[in-house]
């Protein structure tokens, strides 16, 4: 009787062990199949991206470009602002959309940051906030105009604290849009963009030891280069008024080639500018 019980106990133990082995084999097989499927999916995505990158126009013809000429580059359409021997300065033919601005800024429908922003193709953003706190951006306080910070493109922390400067909201939007733009990042990786040198009314860029800057917005000097700005206005101009008029910036909203001086909380469209190599 004891032998029968021992045999049954042993049989049960082996049965459970076999069931356990079968379960483990089943789990391992499923895991391996899932891994193969995931790797196959990754490869399909990678191939798809490589095909998309193949359609990115990453080379501009080595020729003399007419001012205002329309070109395709980095998955965008641009207007020629300045023709140089080996490069061209380009302004985006359109303005940044509501979706692009919200994604870059991380905010939406906030009066401190946005002006008129009712559609995807027409979204205006302020240069400085209507607020008197924090060091994230420059700000303008209508109730007390002595409380303000100077609108600058990329001040460092010392300039923010000691010289009362603040980074413009436009700078944040443009630089983040550029860093997230697949087409422009492809041409950047292929060394087809030229670092830009400019002044924002207070500071010169790039600063000594600072990193290269590959995108900005139009400068007042660019306005004389283009005969037509396609009716995409008002848009922000790079160089602030500076000096004693620290609450003022420039926007373009005219039929001539002069920039209008307005308060730094004025909202306008955003049109990025890059410099691309020829050939």
C-alpha atoms as a PDB file:
ATOM      1  CA  UNK A   1       0.000   0.000   0.000  1.00  0.00           C
ATOM      2  CA  UNK A   2       2.843   2.314   0.893  1.00  0.00           C
ATOM      3  CA  UNK A   3       4.580   1.442  -2.396  1.00  0.00           C
ATOM      4  CA  UNK A   4       1.430   2.397  -4.341  1.00  0.00           C
ATOM      5  CA  UNK A   5       1.181   5.727  -2.513  1.00  0.00           C
ATOM      6  CA  UNK A   6       4.850   6.373  -3.170  1.00  0.00           C
ATOM      7  CA  UNK A   7       4.411   5.580  -6.838  1.00  0.00           C
ATOM      8  CA  UNK A   8       1.417   7.901  -7.107  1.00  0.00           C
ATOM      9  CA  UNK A   9       3.272  10.728  -5.352  1.00  0.00           C
ATOM     10  CA  UNK A  10       6.247  10.300  -7.653  1.00  0.00           C
ATOM     11  CA  UNK A  11       3.946  10.198 -10.688  1.00  0.00           C
ATOM     12  CA  UNK A  12       2.257  13.438  -9.603  1.00  0.00           C
ATOM     13  CA  UNK A  13       5.618  15.146  -9.064  1.00  0.00           C
ATOM     14  CA  UNK A  14       6.827  14.131 -12.534  1.00  0.00           C
ATOM     15  CA  UNK A  15       3.493  15.149 -14.059  1.00  0.00           C
ATOM     16  CA  UNK A  16       3.717  18.624 -12.513  1.00  0.00           C
ATOM     17  CA  UNK A  17       7.328  18.867 -13.619  1.00  0.00           C
ATOM     18  CA  UNK A  18       6.391  17.966 -17.211  1.00  0.00           C
ATOM     19  CA  UNK A  19       3.546  20.505 -17.172  1.00  0.00           C
ATOM     20  CA  UNK A  20       5.976  23.127 -15.838  1.00  0.00           C
ATOM     21  CA  UNK A  21       8.488  22.340 -18.593  1.00  0.00           C
ATOM     22  CA  UNK A  22       5.786  22.555 -21.244  1.00  0.00           C
ATOM     23  CA  UNK A  23       4.642  25.925 -19.890  1.00  0.00           C
ATOM     24  CA  UNK A  24       8.210  27.255 -19.845  1.00  0.00           C
ATOM     25  CA  UNK A  25       8.822  26.048 -23.395  1.00  0.00           C
ATOM     26  CA  UNK A  26       5.565  27.671 -24.497  1.00  0.00           C
ATOM     27  CA  UNK A  27       6.462  30.987 -22.825  1.00  0.00           C
ATOM     28  CA  UNK A  28       9.978  30.984 -24.298  1.00  0.00           C
ATOM     29  CA  UNK A  29       8.647  30.189 -27.755  1.00  0.00           C
ATOM     30  CA  UNK A  30       6.088  32.994 -27.541  1.00  0.00           C
ATOM     31  CA  UNK A  31       8.745  35.434 -26.300  1.00  0.00           C
ATOM     32  CA  UNK A  32      11.094  34.521 -29.149  1.00  0.00           C
ATOM     33  CA  UNK A  33       8.323  34.927 -31.706  1.00  0.00           C
ATOM     34  CA  UNK A  34       7.365  38.321 -30.246  1.00  0.00           C
ATOM     35  CA  UNK A  35      10.990  39.431 -30.359  1.00  0.00           C
ATOM     36  CA  UNK A  36      11.259  38.384 -33.993  1.00  0.00           C
ATOM     37  CA  UNK A  37       8.064  40.288 -34.812  1.00  0.00           C
ATOM     38  CA  UNK A  38       9.280  43.415 -32.978  1.00  0.00           C
ATOM     39  CA  UNK A  39      12.650  43.305 -34.734  1.00  0.00           C
ATOM     40  CA  UNK A  40      10.897  42.883 -38.057  1.00  0.00           C
ATOM     41  CA  UNK A  41       8.659  45.887 -37.283  1.00  0.00           C
ATOM     42  CA  UNK A  42      11.688  47.973 -36.290  1.00  0.00           C
ATOM     43  CA  UNK A  43      13.392  47.089 -39.548  1.00  0.00           C
ATOM     44  CA  UNK A  44      10.282  48.068 -41.529  1.00  0.00           C
ATOM     45  CA  UNK A  45      10.133  51.421 -39.715  1.00  0.00           C
ATOM     46  CA  UNK A  46      13.843  51.995 -40.286  1.00  0.00           C
ATOM     47  CA  UNK A  47      13.509  51.216 -43.984  1.00  0.00           C
ATOM     48  CA  UNK A  48      10.496  53.520 -44.235  1.00  0.00           C
ATOM     49  CA  UNK A  49      12.394  56.370 -42.592  1.00  0.00           C
ATOM     50  CA  UNK A  50      15.362  55.864 -44.880  1.00  0.00           C
ATOM     51  CA  UNK A  51      13.057  56.019 -47.888  1.00  0.00           C
ATOM     52  CA  UNK A  52      11.483  59.244 -46.574  1.00  0.00           C
ATOM     53  CA  UNK A  53      14.923  60.749 -46.009  1.00  0.00           C
ATOM     54  CA  UNK A  54      15.755  59.945 -49.597  1.00  0.00           C
ATOM     55  CA  UNK A  55      13.093  62.463 -50.683  1.00  0.00           C
ATOM     56  CA  UNK A  56      14.554  65.305 -48.616  1.00  0.00           C
ATOM     57  CA  UNK A  57      16.075  67.947 -50.890  1.00  0.00           C
ATOM     58  CA  UNK A  58      19.462  68.428 -49.231  1.00  0.00           C
ATOM     59  CA  UNK A  59      21.400  70.151 -52.033  1.00  0.00           C
ATOM     60  CA  UNK A  60      20.906  73.540 -53.655  1.00  0.00           C
ATOM     61  CA  UNK A  61      22.110  74.123 -57.189  1.00  0.00           C
ATOM     62  CA  UNK A  62      25.375  76.036 -57.402  1.00  0.00           C
ATOM     63  CA  UNK A  63      24.129  79.119 -59.240  1.00  0.00           C
ATOM     64  CA  UNK A  64      23.258  82.767 -58.728  1.00  0.00           C
ATOM     65  CA  UNK A  65      19.846  83.013 -57.065  1.00  0.00           C
ATOM     66  CA  UNK A  66      17.502  85.940 -57.629  1.00  0.00           C
ATOM     67  CA  UNK A  67      16.310  87.725 -54.495  1.00  0.00           C
ATOM     68  CA  UNK A  68      12.870  86.452 -53.593  1.00  0.00           C
ATOM     69  CA  UNK A  69      13.334  83.279 -55.662  1.00  0.00           C
ATOM     70  CA  UNK A  70      11.461  80.242 -54.315  1.00  0.00           C
ATOM     71  CA  UNK A  71      13.473  77.095 -53.534  1.00  0.00           C
ATOM     72  CA  UNK A  72      12.810  73.732 -51.879  1.00  0.00           C
ATOM     73  CA  UNK A  73      15.230  72.601 -49.181  1.00  0.00           C
ATOM     74  CA  UNK A  74      15.001  70.348 -46.122  1.00  0.00           C
ATOM     75  CA  UNK A  75      11.330  69.471 -46.750  1.00  0.00           C
ATOM     76  CA  UNK A  76      10.287  73.140 -46.734  1.00  0.00           C
ATOM     77  CA  UNK A  77       9.731  75.932 -49.250  1.00  0.00           C
ATOM     78  CA  UNK A  78      11.867  79.063 -48.826  1.00  0.00           C
ATOM     79  CA  UNK A  79      12.443  82.520 -50.303  1.00  0.00           C
ATOM     80  CA  UNK A  80      15.954  83.699 -51.110  1.00  0.00           C
ATOM     81  CA  UNK A  81      16.910  86.650 -48.895  1.00  0.00           C
ATOM     82  CA  UNK A  82      20.599  86.973 -49.795  1.00  0.00           C
ATOM     83  CA  UNK A  83      22.636  85.345 -52.550  1.00  0.00           C
ATOM     84  CA  UNK A  84      26.295  84.706 -51.651  1.00  0.00           C
ATOM     85  CA  UNK A  85      29.146  83.088 -53.541  1.00  0.00           C
ATOM     86  CA  UNK A  86      28.814  79.700 -51.864  1.00  0.00           C
ATOM     87  CA  UNK A  87      25.531  79.937 -49.941  1.00  0.00           C
ATOM     88  CA  UNK A  88      22.090  81.515 -49.792  1.00  0.00           C
ATOM     89  CA  UNK A  89      20.179  83.020 -46.861  1.00  0.00           C
ATOM     90  CA  UNK A  90      16.601  81.715 -46.893  1.00  0.00           C
ATOM     91  CA  UNK A  91      13.404  82.749 -45.111  1.00  0.00           C
ATOM     92  CA  UNK A  92      10.538  80.282 -44.674  1.00  0.00           C
ATOM     93  CA  UNK A  93       7.881  81.112 -47.243  1.00  0.00           C
ATOM     94  CA  UNK A  94       5.105  80.467 -44.728  1.00  0.00           C
ATOM     95  CA  UNK A  95       4.793  81.236 -41.022  1.00  0.00           C
ATOM     96  CA  UNK A  96       4.933  78.612 -38.287  1.00  0.00           C
ATOM     97  CA  UNK A  97       1.580  76.955 -37.664  1.00  0.00           C
ATOM     98  CA  UNK A  98      -0.405  76.754 -34.456  1.00  0.00           C
ATOM     99  CA  UNK A  99       0.491  73.082 -34.046  1.00  0.00           C
ATOM    100  CA  UNK A 100       4.212  73.745 -34.549  1.00  0.00           C
ATOM    101  CA  UNK A 101       4.215  76.638 -32.089  1.00  0.00           C
ATOM    102  CA  UNK A 102       2.305  74.748 -29.407  1.00  0.00           C
ATOM    103  CA  UNK A 103       4.587  71.736 -29.782  1.00  0.00           C
ATOM    104  CA  UNK A 104       7.746  73.860 -29.547  1.00  0.00           C
ATOM    105  CA  UNK A 105       6.509  76.117 -26.738  1.00  0.00           C
ATOM    106  CA  UNK A 106       4.693  73.440 -24.771  1.00  0.00           C
ATOM    107  CA  UNK A 107       1.757  75.815 -24.233  1.00  0.00           C
ATOM    108  CA  UNK A 108      -1.502  76.653 -25.964  1.00  0.00           C
ATOM    109  CA  UNK A 109      -4.229  79.300 -25.727  1.00  0.00           C
ATOM    110  CA  UNK A 110      -2.353  81.197 -23.016  1.00  0.00           C
ATOM    111  CA  UNK A 111      -2.824  84.959 -23.338  1.00  0.00           C
ATOM    112  CA  UNK A 112       0.585  85.659 -21.784  1.00  0.00           C
ATOM    113  CA  UNK A 113       2.241  83.932 -24.757  1.00  0.00           C
ATOM    114  CA  UNK A 114      -0.245  83.990 -27.648  1.00  0.00           C
ATOM    115  CA  UNK A 115      -1.954  86.754 -29.554  1.00  0.00           C
ATOM    116  CA  UNK A 116      -4.409  85.971 -32.343  1.00  0.00           C
ATOM    117  CA  UNK A 117      -4.071  82.257 -32.962  1.00  0.00           C
ATOM    118  CA  UNK A 118      -7.311  81.056 -34.519  1.00  0.00           C
ATOM    119  CA  UNK A 119      -6.142  78.765 -37.298  1.00  0.00           C
ATOM    120  CA  UNK A 120      -3.329  76.447 -38.294  1.00  0.00           C
ATOM    121  CA  UNK A 121      -1.964  78.908 -40.842  1.00  0.00           C
ATOM    122  CA  UNK A 122      -2.264  82.102 -38.821  1.00  0.00           C
ATOM    123  CA  UNK A 123      -0.885  81.965 -35.295  1.00  0.00           C
ATOM    124  CA  UNK A 124       0.716  84.994 -33.642  1.00  0.00           C
ATOM    125  CA  UNK A 125       3.001  84.808 -30.608  1.00  0.00           C
ATOM    126  CA  UNK A 126       4.289  87.571 -28.328  1.00  0.00           C
ATOM    127  CA  UNK A 127       7.988  88.381 -28.070  1.00  0.00           C
ATOM    128  CA  UNK A 128       7.748  88.894 -24.283  1.00  0.00           C
ATOM    129  CA  UNK A 129       5.198  87.757 -21.712  1.00  0.00           C
ATOM    130  CA  UNK A 130       2.602  90.003 -20.128  1.00  0.00           C
ATOM    131  CA  UNK A 131       3.858  89.035 -16.698  1.00  0.00           C
ATOM    132  CA  UNK A 132       6.352  90.135 -14.047  1.00  0.00           C
ATOM    133  CA  UNK A 133       7.980  87.003 -12.760  1.00  0.00           C
ATOM    134  CA  UNK A 134      10.515  84.284 -13.434  1.00  0.00           C
ATOM    135  CA  UNK A 135      13.599  84.226 -15.608  1.00  0.00           C
ATOM    136  CA  UNK A 136      12.340  81.899 -18.312  1.00  0.00           C
ATOM    137  CA  UNK A 137      11.413  84.648 -20.803  1.00  0.00           C
ATOM    138  CA  UNK A 138      11.520  88.405 -21.181  1.00  0.00           C
ATOM    139  CA  UNK A 139       8.378  90.098 -19.896  1.00  0.00           C
ATOM    140  CA  UNK A 140       6.378  93.320 -20.243  1.00  0.00           C
ATOM    141  CA  UNK A 141       4.147  94.614 -17.463  1.00  0.00           C
ATOM    142  CA  UNK A 142       1.647  97.218 -18.742  1.00  0.00           C
ATOM    143  CA  UNK A 143       0.655  98.352 -15.229  1.00  0.00           C
ATOM    144  CA  UNK A 144       4.226  99.360 -14.415  1.00  0.00           C
ATOM    145  CA  UNK A 145       6.536  99.767 -17.412  1.00  0.00           C
ATOM    146  CA  UNK A 146       9.585  99.981 -15.141  1.00  0.00           C
ATOM    147  CA  UNK A 147       9.103  96.280 -14.514  1.00  0.00           C
ATOM    148  CA  UNK A 148      10.429  94.660 -17.638  1.00  0.00           C
ATOM    149  CA  UNK A 149      13.338  92.714 -19.101  1.00  0.00           C
ATOM    150  CA  UNK A 150      15.174  93.333 -22.366  1.00  0.00           C
ATOM    151  CA  UNK A 151      14.092  91.027 -25.224  1.00  0.00           C
ATOM    152  CA  UNK A 152      17.170  89.056 -26.330  1.00  0.00           C
ATOM    153  CA  UNK A 153      17.658  85.979 -28.494  1.00  0.00           C
ATOM    154  CA  UNK A 154      19.804  83.785 -26.222  1.00  0.00           C
ATOM    155  CA  UNK A 155      21.088  85.474 -23.041  1.00  0.00           C
ATOM    156  CA  UNK A 156      23.150  83.492 -20.563  1.00  0.00           C
ATOM    157  CA  UNK A 157      22.233  83.306 -16.880  1.00  0.00           C
ATOM    158  CA  UNK A 158      24.642  86.109 -15.915  1.00  0.00           C
ATOM    159  CA  UNK A 159      23.133  88.465 -18.479  1.00  0.00           C
ATOM    160  CA  UNK A 160      19.648  87.557 -17.299  1.00  0.00           C
ATOM    161  CA  UNK A 161      20.425  88.334 -13.664  1.00  0.00           C
ATOM    162  CA  UNK A 162      22.903  91.210 -13.939  1.00  0.00           C
ATOM    163  CA  UNK A 163      21.782  92.992 -17.112  1.00  0.00           C
ATOM    164  CA  UNK A 164      18.032  92.422 -16.811  1.00  0.00           C
ATOM    165  CA  UNK A 165      17.768  90.466 -20.053  1.00  0.00           C
ATOM    166  CA  UNK A 166      15.273  87.772 -20.991  1.00  0.00           C
ATOM    167  CA  UNK A 167      15.039  85.221 -23.778  1.00  0.00           C
ATOM    168  CA  UNK A 168      12.228  85.972 -26.214  1.00  0.00           C
ATOM    169  CA  UNK A 169       9.352  83.542 -26.628  1.00  0.00           C
ATOM    170  CA  UNK A 170      10.039  83.648 -30.370  1.00  0.00           C
ATOM    171  CA  UNK A 171      13.587  82.375 -29.810  1.00  0.00           C
ATOM    172  CA  UNK A 172      12.276  79.418 -27.807  1.00  0.00           C
ATOM    173  CA  UNK A 173       9.748  78.535 -30.522  1.00  0.00           C
ATOM    174  CA  UNK A 174      12.148  78.858 -33.466  1.00  0.00           C
ATOM    175  CA  UNK A 175      15.015  76.902 -31.905  1.00  0.00           C
ATOM    176  CA  UNK A 176      12.797  74.064 -30.669  1.00  0.00           C
ATOM    177  CA  UNK A 177      10.973  73.906 -34.019  1.00  0.00           C
ATOM    178  CA  UNK A 178      14.352  73.637 -35.762  1.00  0.00           C
ATOM    179  CA  UNK A 179      15.603  70.899 -33.425  1.00  0.00           C
ATOM    180  CA  UNK A 180      12.425  68.843 -34.000  1.00  0.00           C
ATOM    181  CA  UNK A 181      12.256  69.352 -37.785  1.00  0.00           C
ATOM    182  CA  UNK A 182      13.297  66.081 -39.439  1.00  0.00           C
ATOM    183  CA  UNK A 183      14.177  67.591 -42.817  1.00  0.00           C
ATOM    184  CA  UNK A 184      16.319  70.368 -41.351  1.00  0.00           C
ATOM    185  CA  UNK A 185      18.077  67.974 -38.992  1.00  0.00           C
ATOM    186  CA  UNK A 186      18.959  65.785 -41.984  1.00  0.00           C
ATOM    187  CA  UNK A 187      20.570  68.675 -43.883  1.00  0.00           C
ATOM    188  CA  UNK A 188      22.325  69.765 -40.687  1.00  0.00           C
ATOM    189  CA  UNK A 189      23.796  66.274 -40.227  1.00  0.00           C
ATOM    190  CA  UNK A 190      24.949  66.361 -43.848  1.00  0.00           C
ATOM    191  CA  UNK A 191      26.790  69.638 -43.154  1.00  0.00           C
ATOM    192  CA  UNK A 192      24.622  71.632 -45.575  1.00  0.00           C
ATOM    193  CA  UNK A 193      23.864  74.534 -43.192  1.00  0.00           C
ATOM    194  CA  UNK A 194      26.123  77.428 -42.229  1.00  0.00           C
ATOM    195  CA  UNK A 195      26.288  78.818 -38.658  1.00  0.00           C
ATOM    196  CA  UNK A 196      24.789  82.300 -38.480  1.00  0.00           C
ATOM    197  CA  UNK A 197      26.368  85.497 -37.129  1.00  0.00           C
ATOM    198  CA  UNK A 198      23.996  88.269 -36.044  1.00  0.00           C
ATOM    199  CA  UNK A 199      23.049  90.882 -33.440  1.00  0.00           C
ATOM    200  CA  UNK A 200      19.689  91.048 -31.632  1.00  0.00           C
ATOM    201  CA  UNK A 201      19.964  94.707 -30.610  1.00  0.00           C
ATOM    202  CA  UNK A 202      21.817  93.885 -27.385  1.00  0.00           C
ATOM    203  CA  UNK A 203      24.101  90.897 -27.938  1.00  0.00           C
ATOM    204  CA  UNK A 204      26.251  89.498 -30.727  1.00  0.00           C
ATOM    205  CA  UNK A 205      25.910  85.840 -31.687  1.00  0.00           C
ATOM    206  CA  UNK A 206      27.478  83.416 -31.441  1.00  0.00           C
ATOM    207  CA  UNK A 207      29.026  84.549 -28.185  1.00  0.00           C
ATOM    208  CA  UNK A 208      32.671  83.773 -27.496  1.00  0.00           C
ATOM    209  CA  UNK A 209      32.860  80.076 -26.800  1.00  0.00           C
ATOM    210  CA  UNK A 210      29.149  79.670 -27.497  1.00  0.00           C
ATOM    211  CA  UNK A 211      27.702  76.942 -29.688  1.00  0.00           C
ATOM    212  CA  UNK A 212      26.882  77.536 -33.344  1.00  0.00           C
ATOM    213  CA  UNK A 213      23.428  78.927 -34.194  1.00  0.00           C
ATOM    214  CA  UNK A 214      21.780  77.669 -37.384  1.00  0.00           C
ATOM    215  CA  UNK A 215      18.413  79.423 -37.284  1.00  0.00           C
ATOM    216  CA  UNK A 216      17.081  82.921 -36.540  1.00  0.00           C
ATOM    217  CA  UNK A 217      14.247  85.175 -37.735  1.00  0.00           C
ATOM    218  CA  UNK A 218      14.487  88.026 -40.303  1.00  0.00           C
ATOM    219  CA  UNK A 219      16.729  90.996 -39.517  1.00  0.00           C
ATOM    220  CA  UNK A 220      15.833  94.528 -40.611  1.00  0.00           C
ATOM    221  CA  UNK A 221      18.655  94.287 -43.169  1.00  0.00           C
ATOM    222  CA  UNK A 222      16.846  91.338 -44.779  1.00  0.00           C
ATOM    223  CA  UNK A 223      13.790  93.442 -45.604  1.00  0.00           C
ATOM    224  CA  UNK A 224      15.599  95.277 -48.403  1.00  0.00           C
ATOM    225  CA  UNK A 225      16.545  92.015 -50.086  1.00  0.00           C
ATOM    226  CA  UNK A 226      13.118  90.622 -50.893  1.00  0.00           C
ATOM    227  CA  UNK A 227      10.717  92.389 -53.225  1.00  0.00           C
ATOM    228  CA  UNK A 228       7.710  90.459 -51.991  1.00  0.00           C
ATOM    229  CA  UNK A 229       7.033  88.905 -48.606  1.00  0.00           C
ATOM    230  CA  UNK A 230       3.980  86.980 -49.887  1.00  0.00           C
ATOM    231  CA  UNK A 231       1.518  88.798 -47.651  1.00  0.00           C
ATOM    232  CA  UNK A 232       2.616  86.674 -44.674  1.00  0.00           C
ATOM    233  CA  UNK A 233       2.573  89.421 -42.060  1.00  0.00           C
ATOM    234  CA  UNK A 234       2.876  90.798 -39.461  1.00  0.00           C
ATOM    235  CA  UNK A 235       5.999  88.803 -38.566  1.00  0.00           C
ATOM    236  CA  UNK A 236       8.689  89.231 -35.930  1.00  0.00           C
ATOM    237  CA  UNK A 237      11.989  90.958 -36.716  1.00  0.00           C
ATOM    238  CA  UNK A 238      15.156  89.847 -34.932  1.00  0.00           C
ATOM    239  CA  UNK A 239      16.810  93.036 -33.710  1.00  0.00           C
ATOM    240  CA  UNK A 240      15.107  94.777 -30.790  1.00  0.00           C
ATOM    241  CA  UNK A 241      15.167  98.559 -30.444  1.00  0.00           C
ATOM    242  CA  UNK A 242      17.690  98.483 -27.585  1.00  0.00           C
ATOM    243  CA  UNK A 243      19.285 101.375 -25.716  1.00  0.00           C
ATOM    244  CA  UNK A 244      16.701 103.352 -23.689  1.00  0.00           C
ATOM    245  CA  UNK A 245      13.716 101.822 -25.506  1.00  0.00           C
ATOM    246  CA  UNK A 246      13.996  98.403 -23.922  1.00  0.00           C
ATOM    247  CA  UNK A 247      10.253  97.766 -23.962  1.00  0.00           C
ATOM    248  CA  UNK A 248      10.117  97.853 -27.750  1.00  0.00           C
ATOM    249  CA  UNK A 249      10.696  95.365 -30.549  1.00  0.00           C
ATOM    250  CA  UNK A 250      10.259  95.418 -34.319  1.00  0.00           C
ATOM    251  CA  UNK A 251       7.703  93.657 -36.489  1.00  0.00           C
ATOM    252  CA  UNK A 252       7.045  93.853 -40.218  1.00  0.00           C
ATOM    253  CA  UNK A 253       3.480  94.841 -41.107  1.00  0.00           C
ATOM    254  CA  UNK A 254       3.754  97.285 -43.982  1.00  0.00           C
ATOM    255  CA  UNK A 255       3.759  97.542 -47.753  1.00  0.00           C
ATOM    256  CA  UNK A 256       7.205  99.177 -47.802  1.00  0.00           C
ATOM    257  CA  UNK A 257      10.434  97.727 -46.395  1.00  0.00           C
ATOM    258  CA  UNK A 258      10.433  99.430 -43.004  1.00  0.00           C
ATOM    259  CA  UNK A 259       9.924  97.605 -39.715  1.00  0.00           C
ATOM    260  CA  UNK A 260       7.345  98.934 -37.267  1.00  0.00           C
ATOM    261  CA  UNK A 261       8.465  99.618 -33.679  1.00  0.00           C
ATOM    262  CA  UNK A 262       6.001  98.213 -31.141  1.00  0.00           C
ATOM    263  CA  UNK A 263       5.889  97.193 -27.476  1.00  0.00           C
ATOM    264  CA  UNK A 264       7.615  93.921 -26.618  1.00  0.00           C
ATOM    265  CA  UNK A 265       4.347  92.156 -25.772  1.00  0.00           C
ATOM    266  CA  UNK A 266       3.038  92.610 -29.345  1.00  0.00           C
ATOM    267  CA  UNK A 267       2.127  89.331 -31.040  1.00  0.00           C
ATOM    268  CA  UNK A 268       3.134  88.506 -34.615  1.00  0.00           C
ATOM    269  CA  UNK A 269       3.782  85.576 -36.943  1.00  0.00           C
ATOM    270  CA  UNK A 270       7.099  83.688 -36.959  1.00  0.00           C
ATOM    271  CA  UNK A 271       9.209  83.067 -40.094  1.00  0.00           C
ATOM    272  CA  UNK A 272      12.522  81.231 -39.488  1.00  0.00           C
ATOM    273  CA  UNK A 273      15.697  82.042 -41.466  1.00  0.00           C
ATOM    274  CA  UNK A 274      18.598  79.704 -42.310  1.00  0.00           C
ATOM    275  CA  UNK A 275      21.743  79.858 -44.468  1.00  0.00           C
ATOM    276  CA  UNK A 276      22.290  76.899 -46.801  1.00  0.00           C
ATOM    277  CA  UNK A 277      25.350  75.864 -48.771  1.00  0.00           C
ATOM    278  CA  UNK A 278      25.258  75.676 -52.534  1.00  0.00           C
ATOM    279  CA  UNK A 279      26.216  72.526 -54.409  1.00  0.00           C
END
